[in-house]
Amino acid sequence: MTSMNEIGFNYSSQTQRDRLKTVDPSSLSTLLSQQAVTLVDVREPSEHAGEKIPGSILVPLSKFDPNRIPFDGNKDGNKTVVLYCRTGNRSAQAAQKLFAAGIDEVTHLEGGLSAWVQAGFPTEVNKRAPISLMRQVQIVAGSLVVTGTLLGAFVSPWFLFLSGFVGAGLVFAGITNTCALGMLLAKLPYNQRV
């Protein structure tokens, strides 16, 4: 079996941010084939249902509980837990929660599922799953802007505030990397199916 240092784990100094190790898609594929990792998807249930890396388990960031992460295999040195999301942002946020819970080192997939797919590795795709949360946000936000603009033009200019409010929400979401509309949509029953 190949050691973790030899196949793409990046180690850093021990500040909280630097305790987050990364693994590249190729190295993760090797580790998965050796059954040397437990892969944890921190995306929302609808995203996991739509497309996932084979063998991953779901622990969504919105309901993240460090006690649900299976570190038992990690204690004897046999398995490392690797977190992933779509791009690596949410898995880094989940890692911060694990650090706060007393876990010393956390590993996540560099670039997330997007990097995994771009590297040509397989995923499990469910064509009957709900559309992605990002597309749902785009559809709802776009619909609200168009509705506010049309009502503002033909009914009352006060409806233009709806478009402005949605635009301000999108700017806030981009700056803070949090999306209230996305979190709200994630709670809908059809997005909770796995």
N, C-alpha and C. Protein backbone atom coordinates (compact mmCIF):
# COMPACT_ATOMS: atom_id res chain seq x y z
N MET A 1 0.85 -1.19 0.00
CA MET A 1 0.00 0.00 0.00
C MET A 1 0.89 1.24 0.00
N THR A 2 0.49 2.22 -0.78
CA THR A 2 1.24 3.46 -0.90
C THR A 2 0.96 4.34 0.30
N SER A 3 1.97 5.05 0.79
CA SER A 3 1.76 5.92 1.95
C SER A 3 1.03 7.19 1.51
N MET A 4 0.39 7.85 2.47
CA MET A 4 -0.38 9.06 2.18
C MET A 4 0.51 10.18 1.64
N ASN A 5 1.74 10.29 2.13
CA ASN A 5 2.64 11.35 1.67
C ASN A 5 3.03 11.16 0.22
N GLU A 6 3.08 9.91 -0.25
CA GLU A 6 3.55 9.63 -1.60
C GLU A 6 2.51 9.92 -2.67
N ILE A 7 1.24 10.02 -2.29
CA ILE A 7 0.23 10.16 -3.34
C ILE A 7 -0.65 11.39 -3.20
N GLY A 8 -0.06 12.52 -3.02
CA GLY A 8 -0.77 13.76 -3.22
C GLY A 8 -1.38 14.47 -2.04
N PHE A 9 -1.13 14.06 -0.81
CA PHE A 9 -1.60 14.84 0.31
C PHE A 9 -0.63 15.99 0.52
N ASN A 10 -1.13 17.18 0.73
CA ASN A 10 -0.31 18.34 0.96
C ASN A 10 -0.37 18.70 2.44
N TYR A 11 0.77 18.63 3.13
CA TYR A 11 0.83 18.94 4.55
C TYR A 11 1.36 20.35 4.74
N SER A 12 0.90 21.03 5.78
CA SER A 12 1.32 22.40 6.04
C SER A 12 1.61 22.57 7.52
N SER A 13 1.91 23.82 7.92
CA SER A 13 2.12 24.12 9.33
C SER A 13 0.82 23.98 10.09
N GLN A 14 0.84 24.17 11.40
CA GLN A 14 -0.29 23.81 12.23
C GLN A 14 -1.24 24.94 12.60
N THR A 15 -1.35 26.02 11.83
CA THR A 15 -2.42 26.96 12.10
C THR A 15 -3.71 26.28 11.67
N GLN A 16 -4.86 26.77 12.17
CA GLN A 16 -6.12 26.08 11.86
C GLN A 16 -6.36 25.96 10.36
N ARG A 17 -6.10 27.02 9.64
CA ARG A 17 -6.29 26.97 8.19
C ARG A 17 -5.31 25.99 7.55
N ASP A 18 -4.08 25.93 8.05
CA ASP A 18 -3.08 25.05 7.47
C ASP A 18 -3.25 23.58 7.86
N ARG A 19 -4.08 23.30 8.85
CA ARG A 19 -4.33 21.91 9.21
C ARG A 19 -5.24 21.23 8.21
N LEU A 20 -5.79 22.00 7.29
CA LEU A 20 -6.63 21.45 6.24
C LEU A 20 -5.73 20.94 5.12
N LYS A 21 -5.71 19.63 4.96
CA LYS A 21 -4.91 19.01 3.91
C LYS A 21 -5.78 18.83 2.67
N THR A 22 -5.14 18.81 1.53
CA THR A 22 -5.86 18.57 0.28
C THR A 22 -5.34 17.32 -0.38
N VAL A 23 -6.20 16.71 -1.17
CA VAL A 23 -5.81 15.58 -1.99
C VAL A 23 -6.34 15.86 -3.40
N ASP A 24 -5.54 15.60 -4.40
CA ASP A 24 -5.96 15.85 -5.78
C ASP A 24 -6.80 14.67 -6.28
N PRO A 25 -7.59 14.87 -7.35
CA PRO A 25 -8.47 13.81 -7.84
C PRO A 25 -7.75 12.50 -8.18
N SER A 26 -6.60 12.58 -8.81
CA SER A 26 -5.88 11.37 -9.19
C SER A 26 -5.45 10.56 -7.96
N SER A 27 -4.94 11.26 -6.95
CA SER A 27 -4.52 10.59 -5.72
C SER A 27 -5.72 10.00 -4.99
N LEU A 28 -6.84 10.73 -4.98
CA LEU A 28 -8.03 10.21 -4.33
C LEU A 28 -8.53 8.95 -5.03
N SER A 29 -8.48 8.94 -6.35
CA SER A 29 -8.89 7.75 -7.10
C SER A 29 -8.04 6.54 -6.70
N THR A 30 -6.74 6.76 -6.57
CA THR A 30 -5.84 5.68 -6.14
C THR A 30 -6.20 5.20 -4.75
N LEU A 31 -6.43 6.14 -3.84
CA LEU A 31 -6.77 5.79 -2.46
C LEU A 31 -8.12 5.06 -2.38
N LEU A 32 -9.08 5.48 -3.19
CA LEU A 32 -10.37 4.80 -3.21
C LEU A 32 -10.23 3.37 -3.72
N SER A 33 -9.41 3.18 -4.74
CA SER A 33 -9.22 1.82 -5.26
C SER A 33 -8.52 0.92 -4.25
N GLN A 34 -7.74 1.51 -3.36
CA GLN A 34 -7.06 0.75 -2.29
C GLN A 34 -7.93 0.65 -1.04
N GLN A 35 -9.13 1.24 -1.07
CA GLN A 35 -10.04 1.30 0.07
C GLN A 35 -9.34 1.90 1.30
N ALA A 36 -8.57 2.97 1.05
CA ALA A 36 -7.79 3.61 2.11
C ALA A 36 -8.44 4.87 2.65
N VAL A 37 -9.61 5.27 2.10
CA VAL A 37 -10.28 6.47 2.57
C VAL A 37 -11.77 6.22 2.76
N THR A 38 -12.35 7.03 3.64
CA THR A 38 -13.80 7.15 3.75
C THR A 38 -14.14 8.51 3.16
N LEU A 39 -14.96 8.51 2.12
CA LEU A 39 -15.27 9.73 1.39
C LEU A 39 -16.60 10.29 1.85
N VAL A 40 -16.61 11.56 2.30
CA VAL A 40 -17.80 12.21 2.85
C VAL A 40 -18.18 13.40 1.98
N ASP A 41 -19.41 13.37 1.46
CA ASP A 41 -19.96 14.45 0.64
C ASP A 41 -20.71 15.41 1.57
N VAL A 42 -20.31 16.69 1.58
CA VAL A 42 -20.96 17.67 2.47
C VAL A 42 -21.95 18.56 1.72
N ARG A 43 -22.28 18.20 0.47
CA ARG A 43 -23.28 18.96 -0.27
C ARG A 43 -24.67 18.61 0.25
N GLU A 44 -25.68 19.22 -0.30
CA GLU A 44 -27.06 18.99 0.13
C GLU A 44 -27.59 17.68 -0.47
N PRO A 45 -28.63 17.10 0.15
CA PRO A 45 -29.16 15.81 -0.33
C PRO A 45 -29.52 15.79 -1.82
N SER A 46 -30.13 16.86 -2.33
CA SER A 46 -30.52 16.87 -3.75
C SER A 46 -29.29 16.82 -4.65
N GLU A 47 -28.21 17.50 -4.25
CA GLU A 47 -26.98 17.49 -5.04
C GLU A 47 -26.36 16.10 -5.03
N HIS A 48 -26.33 15.50 -3.84
CA HIS A 48 -25.76 14.15 -3.68
C HIS A 48 -26.57 13.15 -4.49
N ALA A 49 -27.91 13.31 -4.48
CA ALA A 49 -28.78 12.40 -5.22
C ALA A 49 -28.57 12.53 -6.72
N GLY A 50 -28.28 13.74 -7.18
CA GLY A 50 -28.11 13.97 -8.61
C GLY A 50 -26.81 13.43 -9.17
N GLU A 51 -25.71 13.67 -8.48
CA GLU A 51 -24.39 13.20 -8.93
C GLU A 51 -23.46 13.11 -7.74
N LYS A 52 -22.76 12.01 -7.65
CA LYS A 52 -21.83 11.82 -6.54
C LYS A 52 -20.67 10.93 -6.96
N ILE A 53 -19.62 10.99 -6.17
CA ILE A 53 -18.49 10.09 -6.37
C ILE A 53 -18.90 8.74 -5.78
N PRO A 54 -18.74 7.65 -6.54
CA PRO A 54 -19.16 6.34 -6.03
C PRO A 54 -18.52 6.01 -4.68
N GLY A 55 -19.34 5.50 -3.78
CA GLY A 55 -18.86 5.09 -2.47
C GLY A 55 -18.87 6.18 -1.42
N SER A 56 -19.29 7.39 -1.78
CA SER A 56 -19.30 8.48 -0.80
C SER A 56 -20.54 8.39 0.08
N ILE A 57 -20.39 8.92 1.31
CA ILE A 57 -21.52 9.02 2.22
C ILE A 57 -21.90 10.48 2.37
N LEU A 58 -23.15 10.75 2.71
CA LEU A 58 -23.65 12.12 2.77
C LEU A 58 -23.75 12.61 4.21
N VAL A 59 -23.11 13.75 4.49
CA VAL A 59 -23.27 14.49 5.75
C VAL A 59 -23.34 15.96 5.34
N PRO A 60 -24.57 16.47 5.03
CA PRO A 60 -24.69 17.83 4.47
C PRO A 60 -24.20 18.92 5.42
N LEU A 61 -23.57 19.93 4.86
CA LEU A 61 -23.05 21.05 5.64
C LEU A 61 -24.17 21.76 6.40
N SER A 62 -25.36 21.86 5.82
CA SER A 62 -26.47 22.56 6.47
C SER A 62 -26.90 21.89 7.77
N LYS A 63 -26.62 20.61 7.92
CA LYS A 63 -26.97 19.86 9.14
C LYS A 63 -25.72 19.16 9.68
N PHE A 64 -24.58 19.78 9.49
CA PHE A 64 -23.31 19.11 9.77
C PHE A 64 -23.13 18.84 11.26
N ASP A 65 -22.87 17.59 11.57
CA ASP A 65 -22.62 17.15 12.93
C ASP A 65 -21.31 16.36 12.92
N PRO A 66 -20.25 16.88 13.56
CA PRO A 66 -18.97 16.18 13.56
C PRO A 66 -19.06 14.74 14.07
N ASN A 67 -20.07 14.45 14.89
CA ASN A 67 -20.22 13.08 15.41
C ASN A 67 -20.68 12.10 14.35
N ARG A 68 -21.20 12.60 13.23
CA ARG A 68 -21.63 11.71 12.14
C ARG A 68 -20.50 11.33 11.20
N ILE A 69 -19.34 11.93 11.39
CA ILE A 69 -18.19 11.62 10.53
C ILE A 69 -17.52 10.36 11.08
N PRO A 70 -17.37 9.34 10.26
CA PRO A 70 -16.82 8.05 10.74
C PRO A 70 -15.30 8.05 10.87
N PHE A 71 -14.80 8.62 11.96
CA PHE A 71 -13.35 8.65 12.17
C PHE A 71 -12.80 7.37 12.77
N ASP A 72 -13.66 6.38 13.09
CA ASP A 72 -13.19 5.18 13.76
C ASP A 72 -12.11 4.44 12.96
N GLY A 73 -12.24 4.40 11.63
CA GLY A 73 -11.22 3.74 10.83
C GLY A 73 -9.92 4.52 10.81
N ASN A 74 -10.00 5.82 11.07
CA ASN A 74 -8.83 6.68 11.05
C ASN A 74 -7.94 6.46 12.27
N LYS A 75 -8.52 6.02 13.39
CA LYS A 75 -7.75 5.89 14.62
C LYS A 75 -6.68 4.81 14.53
N ASP A 76 -6.96 3.74 13.78
CA ASP A 76 -5.95 2.69 13.67
C ASP A 76 -5.05 2.87 12.46
N GLY A 77 -5.20 4.00 11.77
CA GLY A 77 -4.30 4.31 10.66
C GLY A 77 -4.71 3.68 9.34
N ASN A 78 -5.81 2.94 9.29
CA ASN A 78 -6.20 2.27 8.05
C ASN A 78 -6.87 3.19 7.05
N LYS A 79 -7.71 4.11 7.53
CA LYS A 79 -8.45 4.96 6.62
C LYS A 79 -8.34 6.42 7.02
N THR A 80 -8.34 7.27 6.00
CA THR A 80 -8.39 8.71 6.20
C THR A 80 -9.75 9.18 5.71
N VAL A 81 -10.37 10.09 6.44
CA VAL A 81 -11.63 10.68 6.00
C VAL A 81 -11.30 11.83 5.06
N VAL A 82 -11.96 11.84 3.90
CA VAL A 82 -11.79 12.92 2.92
C VAL A 82 -13.16 13.54 2.67
N LEU A 83 -13.25 14.85 2.85
CA LEU A 83 -14.48 15.60 2.60
C LEU A 83 -14.47 16.13 1.17
N TYR A 84 -15.67 16.24 0.58
CA TYR A 84 -15.74 16.92 -0.72
C TYR A 84 -17.10 17.59 -0.88
N CYS A 85 -17.13 18.59 -1.77
CA CYS A 85 -18.35 19.29 -2.14
C CYS A 85 -18.24 19.58 -3.64
N ARG A 86 -18.90 20.60 -4.13
CA ARG A 86 -18.85 20.88 -5.56
C ARG A 86 -17.51 21.50 -5.97
N THR A 87 -17.03 22.50 -5.18
CA THR A 87 -15.80 23.19 -5.59
C THR A 87 -14.70 23.20 -4.53
N GLY A 88 -15.01 22.80 -3.32
CA GLY A 88 -14.04 22.82 -2.23
C GLY A 88 -14.34 23.85 -1.16
N ASN A 89 -15.28 24.77 -1.40
CA ASN A 89 -15.61 25.80 -0.40
C ASN A 89 -16.34 25.21 0.80
N ARG A 90 -17.40 24.45 0.54
CA ARG A 90 -18.19 23.90 1.66
C ARG A 90 -17.42 22.84 2.43
N SER A 91 -16.58 22.07 1.75
CA SER A 91 -15.78 21.07 2.48
C SER A 91 -14.78 21.76 3.39
N ALA A 92 -14.27 22.93 2.99
CA ALA A 92 -13.38 23.70 3.86
C ALA A 92 -14.15 24.24 5.07
N GLN A 93 -15.42 24.64 4.87
CA GLN A 93 -16.25 25.10 5.98
C GLN A 93 -16.54 23.94 6.94
N ALA A 94 -16.81 22.77 6.39
CA ALA A 94 -17.04 21.58 7.24
C ALA A 94 -15.79 21.24 8.03
N ALA A 95 -14.63 21.41 7.41
CA ALA A 95 -13.37 21.16 8.10
C ALA A 95 -13.21 22.07 9.30
N GLN A 96 -13.62 23.34 9.15
CA GLN A 96 -13.54 24.28 10.28
C GLN A 96 -14.39 23.79 11.45
N LYS A 97 -15.54 23.20 11.15
CA LYS A 97 -16.41 22.66 12.20
C LYS A 97 -15.76 21.46 12.87
N LEU A 98 -15.02 20.67 12.11
CA LEU A 98 -14.31 19.53 12.69
C LEU A 98 -13.15 20.00 13.57
N PHE A 99 -12.46 21.06 13.13
CA PHE A 99 -11.39 21.62 13.97
C PHE A 99 -11.97 22.10 15.29
N ALA A 100 -13.12 22.78 15.22
CA ALA A 100 -13.77 23.29 16.44
C ALA A 100 -14.18 22.15 17.37
N ALA A 101 -14.43 20.97 16.79
CA ALA A 101 -14.82 19.80 17.58
C ALA A 101 -13.62 19.02 18.11
N GLY A 102 -12.40 19.52 17.82
CA GLY A 102 -11.20 18.89 18.36
C GLY A 102 -10.45 17.97 17.43
N ILE A 103 -10.83 17.90 16.16
CA ILE A 103 -10.11 17.07 15.20
C ILE A 103 -8.87 17.86 14.76
N ASP A 104 -7.70 17.22 14.80
CA ASP A 104 -6.45 17.92 14.52
C ASP A 104 -6.19 18.20 13.04
N GLU A 105 -6.45 17.20 12.19
CA GLU A 105 -6.18 17.37 10.77
C GLU A 105 -7.39 16.88 9.98
N VAL A 106 -7.69 17.59 8.91
CA VAL A 106 -8.81 17.23 8.05
C VAL A 106 -8.33 17.31 6.60
N THR A 107 -8.81 16.39 5.78
CA THR A 107 -8.44 16.36 4.37
C THR A 107 -9.68 16.58 3.52
N HIS A 108 -9.52 17.38 2.46
CA HIS A 108 -10.63 17.52 1.52
C HIS A 108 -10.12 17.46 0.09
N LEU A 109 -11.05 17.16 -0.84
CA LEU A 109 -10.72 17.02 -2.25
C LEU A 109 -10.49 18.40 -2.85
N GLU A 110 -9.31 18.62 -3.35
CA GLU A 110 -8.96 19.90 -3.96
C GLU A 110 -9.80 20.13 -5.22
N GLY A 111 -10.56 21.22 -5.24
CA GLY A 111 -11.40 21.53 -6.39
C GLY A 111 -12.74 20.82 -6.38
N GLY A 112 -12.97 19.94 -5.42
CA GLY A 112 -14.24 19.27 -5.26
C GLY A 112 -14.65 18.38 -6.41
N LEU A 113 -15.97 18.15 -6.48
CA LEU A 113 -16.53 17.28 -7.52
C LEU A 113 -16.23 17.83 -8.91
N SER A 114 -16.20 19.14 -9.05
CA SER A 114 -15.90 19.75 -10.36
C SER A 114 -14.53 19.31 -10.87
N ALA A 115 -13.53 19.32 -9.99
CA ALA A 115 -12.18 18.89 -10.38
C ALA A 115 -12.15 17.39 -10.67
N TRP A 116 -12.91 16.62 -9.89
CA TRP A 116 -13.00 15.16 -10.09
C TRP A 116 -13.55 14.85 -11.49
N VAL A 117 -14.64 15.52 -11.86
CA VAL A 117 -15.26 15.31 -13.17
C VAL A 117 -14.33 15.80 -14.28
N GLN A 118 -13.72 16.97 -14.08
CA GLN A 118 -12.81 17.53 -15.09
C GLN A 118 -11.62 16.61 -15.33
N ALA A 119 -11.19 15.89 -14.29
CA ALA A 119 -10.06 14.97 -14.44
C ALA A 119 -10.48 13.66 -15.11
N GLY A 120 -11.79 13.49 -15.36
CA GLY A 120 -12.26 12.33 -16.10
C GLY A 120 -12.60 11.11 -15.25
N PHE A 121 -12.75 11.30 -13.94
CA PHE A 121 -13.08 10.17 -13.07
C PHE A 121 -14.59 9.97 -13.02
N PRO A 122 -15.03 8.74 -12.77
CA PRO A 122 -16.47 8.44 -12.86
C PRO A 122 -17.28 8.99 -11.70
N THR A 123 -18.55 9.26 -12.00
CA THR A 123 -19.52 9.65 -10.98
C THR A 123 -20.78 8.82 -11.19
N GLU A 124 -21.59 8.73 -10.14
CA GLU A 124 -22.90 8.11 -10.25
C GLU A 124 -23.90 9.24 -10.50
N VAL A 125 -24.64 9.16 -11.61
CA VAL A 125 -25.58 10.20 -11.99
C VAL A 125 -27.00 9.63 -11.94
N ASN A 126 -27.89 10.36 -11.29
CA ASN A 126 -29.29 9.97 -11.22
C ASN A 126 -30.09 11.00 -12.02
N LYS A 127 -30.58 10.62 -13.19
CA LYS A 127 -31.30 11.53 -14.07
C LYS A 127 -32.64 11.96 -13.48
N ARG A 128 -33.18 11.21 -12.50
CA ARG A 128 -34.48 11.55 -11.92
C ARG A 128 -34.36 12.44 -10.68
N ALA A 129 -33.15 12.81 -10.30
CA ALA A 129 -32.95 13.68 -9.13
C ALA A 129 -33.39 15.10 -9.46
N PRO A 130 -33.74 15.89 -8.42
CA PRO A 130 -34.10 17.30 -8.67
C PRO A 130 -32.92 18.05 -9.30
N ILE A 131 -33.24 19.15 -9.99
CA ILE A 131 -32.16 19.93 -10.59
C ILE A 131 -31.29 20.51 -9.47
N SER A 132 -30.08 20.89 -9.82
CA SER A 132 -29.12 21.36 -8.81
C SER A 132 -29.64 22.59 -8.07
N LEU A 133 -29.17 22.73 -6.86
CA LEU A 133 -29.58 23.86 -6.02
C LEU A 133 -29.19 25.19 -6.65
N MET A 134 -28.02 25.24 -7.28
CA MET A 134 -27.58 26.47 -7.94
C MET A 134 -28.54 26.87 -9.05
N ARG A 135 -28.98 25.91 -9.86
CA ARG A 135 -29.94 26.22 -10.92
C ARG A 135 -31.28 26.66 -10.33
N GLN A 136 -31.70 26.04 -9.23
CA GLN A 136 -32.95 26.45 -8.59
C GLN A 136 -32.85 27.90 -8.13
N VAL A 137 -31.71 28.27 -7.53
CA VAL A 137 -31.51 29.66 -7.08
C VAL A 137 -31.56 30.60 -8.28
N GLN A 138 -30.90 30.23 -9.37
CA GLN A 138 -30.90 31.08 -10.56
C GLN A 138 -32.31 31.26 -11.12
N ILE A 139 -33.10 30.19 -11.15
CA ILE A 139 -34.46 30.26 -11.68
C ILE A 139 -35.34 31.16 -10.80
N VAL A 140 -35.29 30.94 -9.47
CA VAL A 140 -36.13 31.73 -8.56
C VAL A 140 -35.69 33.20 -8.56
N ALA A 141 -34.40 33.46 -8.43
CA ALA A 141 -33.92 34.85 -8.40
C ALA A 141 -34.23 35.55 -9.72
N GLY A 142 -33.98 34.90 -10.84
CA GLY A 142 -34.26 35.49 -12.14
C GLY A 142 -35.75 35.77 -12.32
N SER A 143 -36.59 34.84 -11.87
CA SER A 143 -38.05 35.03 -11.96
C SER A 143 -38.50 36.23 -11.13
N LEU A 144 -37.93 36.38 -9.93
CA LEU A 144 -38.30 37.51 -9.08
C LEU A 144 -37.86 38.84 -9.69
N VAL A 145 -36.69 38.88 -10.31
CA VAL A 145 -36.20 40.11 -10.94
C VAL A 145 -37.09 40.47 -12.13
N VAL A 146 -37.40 39.49 -12.97
CA VAL A 146 -38.26 39.75 -14.13
C VAL A 146 -39.65 40.21 -13.68
N THR A 147 -40.21 39.52 -12.68
CA THR A 147 -41.54 39.88 -12.17
C THR A 147 -41.53 41.30 -11.60
N GLY A 148 -40.52 41.61 -10.78
CA GLY A 148 -40.42 42.96 -10.21
C GLY A 148 -40.28 44.03 -11.26
N THR A 149 -39.51 43.75 -12.31
CA THR A 149 -39.31 44.72 -13.38
C THR A 149 -40.59 44.93 -14.18
N LEU A 150 -41.29 43.85 -14.54
CA LEU A 150 -42.53 43.97 -15.30
C LEU A 150 -43.61 44.68 -14.50
N LEU A 151 -43.76 44.28 -13.22
CA LEU A 151 -44.75 44.94 -12.38
C LEU A 151 -44.39 46.42 -12.15
N GLY A 152 -43.09 46.70 -12.05
CA GLY A 152 -42.63 48.07 -11.88
C GLY A 152 -42.91 48.92 -13.11
N ALA A 153 -42.82 48.31 -14.28
CA ALA A 153 -43.04 49.04 -15.53
C ALA A 153 -44.53 49.23 -15.82
N PHE A 154 -45.36 48.25 -15.48
CA PHE A 154 -46.77 48.30 -15.89
C PHE A 154 -47.77 48.53 -14.76
N VAL A 155 -47.39 48.30 -13.50
CA VAL A 155 -48.35 48.45 -12.40
C VAL A 155 -47.98 49.62 -11.51
N SER A 156 -46.82 49.53 -10.88
CA SER A 156 -46.37 50.59 -9.98
C SER A 156 -44.85 50.54 -9.88
N PRO A 157 -44.19 51.71 -9.92
CA PRO A 157 -42.73 51.72 -9.80
C PRO A 157 -42.23 51.14 -8.48
N TRP A 158 -43.11 51.04 -7.48
CA TRP A 158 -42.70 50.47 -6.19
C TRP A 158 -42.27 49.01 -6.32
N PHE A 159 -42.76 48.30 -7.32
CA PHE A 159 -42.38 46.90 -7.52
C PHE A 159 -40.92 46.75 -7.93
N LEU A 160 -40.30 47.84 -8.38
CA LEU A 160 -38.88 47.78 -8.74
C LEU A 160 -38.01 47.48 -7.52
N PHE A 161 -38.55 47.77 -6.32
CA PHE A 161 -37.81 47.44 -5.10
C PHE A 161 -37.59 45.92 -4.98
N LEU A 162 -38.52 45.13 -5.51
CA LEU A 162 -38.35 43.67 -5.49
C LEU A 162 -37.10 43.27 -6.25
N SER A 163 -36.94 43.83 -7.45
CA SER A 163 -35.74 43.54 -8.26
C SER A 163 -34.48 44.01 -7.55
N GLY A 164 -34.54 45.20 -6.96
CA GLY A 164 -33.38 45.71 -6.23
C GLY A 164 -33.04 44.85 -5.03
N PHE A 165 -34.06 44.39 -4.31
CA PHE A 165 -33.85 43.54 -3.14
C PHE A 165 -33.18 42.23 -3.54
N VAL A 166 -33.66 41.60 -4.62
CA VAL A 166 -33.07 40.34 -5.09
C VAL A 166 -31.63 40.58 -5.54
N GLY A 167 -31.39 41.67 -6.26
CA GLY A 167 -30.03 41.99 -6.70
C GLY A 167 -29.09 42.19 -5.52
N ALA A 168 -29.56 42.92 -4.48
CA ALA A 168 -28.74 43.12 -3.28
C ALA A 168 -28.46 41.79 -2.59
N GLY A 169 -29.46 40.91 -2.57
CA GLY A 169 -29.26 39.58 -1.97
C GLY A 169 -28.21 38.77 -2.71
N LEU A 170 -28.20 38.87 -4.03
CA LEU A 170 -27.20 38.16 -4.82
C LEU A 170 -25.80 38.72 -4.60
N VAL A 171 -25.69 40.04 -4.49
CA VAL A 171 -24.39 40.66 -4.18
C VAL A 171 -23.91 40.19 -2.81
N PHE A 172 -24.80 40.20 -1.82
CA PHE A 172 -24.45 39.75 -0.47
C PHE A 172 -24.00 38.29 -0.50
N ALA A 173 -24.73 37.45 -1.26
CA ALA A 173 -24.38 36.03 -1.36
C ALA A 173 -22.99 35.86 -1.96
N GLY A 174 -22.68 36.65 -2.97
CA GLY A 174 -21.36 36.56 -3.59
C GLY A 174 -20.24 36.99 -2.67
N ILE A 175 -20.47 38.05 -1.90
CA ILE A 175 -19.44 38.57 -1.00
C ILE A 175 -19.20 37.64 0.18
N THR A 176 -20.28 37.11 0.75
CA THR A 176 -20.16 36.30 1.98
C THR A 176 -20.05 34.80 1.71
N ASN A 177 -20.25 34.38 0.46
CA ASN A 177 -20.23 32.96 0.10
C ASN A 177 -21.32 32.18 0.86
N THR A 178 -22.42 32.85 1.18
CA THR A 178 -23.60 32.20 1.76
C THR A 178 -24.80 32.67 0.97
N CYS A 179 -25.77 31.81 0.78
CA CYS A 179 -26.95 32.17 0.01
C CYS A 179 -28.20 31.79 0.79
N ALA A 180 -28.88 32.80 1.30
CA ALA A 180 -30.09 32.55 2.08
C ALA A 180 -31.15 31.86 1.23
N LEU A 181 -31.29 32.26 -0.02
CA LEU A 181 -32.26 31.62 -0.90
C LEU A 181 -31.91 30.15 -1.13
N GLY A 182 -30.63 29.87 -1.33
CA GLY A 182 -30.19 28.49 -1.50
C GLY A 182 -30.46 27.64 -0.27
N MET A 183 -30.21 28.22 0.93
CA MET A 183 -30.47 27.48 2.16
C MET A 183 -31.97 27.23 2.33
N LEU A 184 -32.78 28.21 1.94
CA LEU A 184 -34.23 28.04 2.02
C LEU A 184 -34.71 26.96 1.05
N LEU A 185 -34.23 27.01 -0.18
CA LEU A 185 -34.62 26.00 -1.18
C LEU A 185 -34.15 24.61 -0.77
N ALA A 186 -33.00 24.51 -0.12
CA ALA A 186 -32.47 23.21 0.31
C ALA A 186 -33.39 22.52 1.30
N LYS A 187 -34.20 23.29 2.02
CA LYS A 187 -35.10 22.73 3.02
C LYS A 187 -36.41 22.19 2.43
N LEU A 188 -36.67 22.48 1.16
CA LEU A 188 -37.91 21.99 0.54
C LEU A 188 -37.88 20.47 0.45
N PRO A 189 -39.03 19.82 0.60
CA PRO A 189 -39.06 18.34 0.66
C PRO A 189 -38.42 17.64 -0.54
N TYR A 190 -38.63 18.14 -1.75
CA TYR A 190 -38.04 17.46 -2.91
C TYR A 190 -36.51 17.56 -2.94
N ASN A 191 -35.94 18.54 -2.22
CA ASN A 191 -34.48 18.65 -2.14
C ASN A 191 -33.90 17.82 -1.00
N GLN A 192 -34.74 17.23 -0.17
CA GLN A 192 -34.27 16.41 0.94
C GLN A 192 -34.15 14.94 0.57
N ARG A 193 -34.64 14.57 -0.60
CA ARG A 193 -34.55 13.17 -1.03
C ARG A 193 -33.11 12.81 -1.33
N VAL A 194 -32.72 11.63 -0.94
CA VAL A 194 -31.36 11.15 -1.22
C VAL A 194 -31.43 10.08 -2.26
